[in-house]
Amino acid sequence: MLTRWLAVPNLLSAYARLLTTLGALVLAGVLLTDPGWLEQPLAVAVLAALVAGFRAAPVRLSKFSYLTQTGVTALAGTLVVGPGATVLGVVLGTLIADGAVLRKPVWAAVVNAGREVLALVSAFGLYAAVWHTSGYPDLSLDYLPAAFSYAAMYFFTTRSLFYFTLLVRDKLESEERLLILRYEVVAYLLTVLAVLIVVGAMETLSPGGWAA
């Protein structure tokens, strides 16, 4: 028991450092390979504000788990304005919401930002690979494999990285796990629906119609 108690804190500490280090490296890589964010300061600011707003009002599922709709901004943003501006907006919004609004420790806000970066970029990488393999299709039936891959991978990465520490610490009862899974799936279906509406509106309507 003593060995296990000592091992878990060390594992969690290493996991947090891994998220922050890899998150920072991946963020730098995205910003360097997609410099379009330099010409999109307004888009970055809007995305950061949306992420901060979503994260500032989480839906509590248990003492340790919660839901946000950060995915709406992350998924729609990468498809509309590109990965560079979106990843930067997600990082800034997460730091603002977690550090300034929710008043979490700075280290926790940084870890959460790193987790969001890794989840989004890994999912977008799979999406880009499938989209390339499919022949860069427009919004049609041929686009479904790439879209499905993106949505599925983002759900898997965000939830896996988030719940890893809770599962390692054995903080969730079996009943809680079933309840959380149910609401996670329902909430993510709403996320995907919202992304479809946002992207569809911005692709087919004029700016005056986006709000409606």
Foldseek 3Di string as FASTA:
>chain_A
DVVLVVVLVVVVVVLLVVLLVVLVVLLVVLCVVCVLLVVVVVLLVVLLVVLLVQLLDWADLDPQDTDTLNLLSLVLVCVPPRNNSSLSSNLNNLQCNQCPRVNDDNSVSSSVSSLLSVLSVVLVVQLVVQCVVLPVDDPDPSSVVSVVSSLVSSLVSNVCSRCVSCVSVVVADPVSVVSVVVVSVVVSVVSVVSSCLQNVCVVPHDPVRNVD
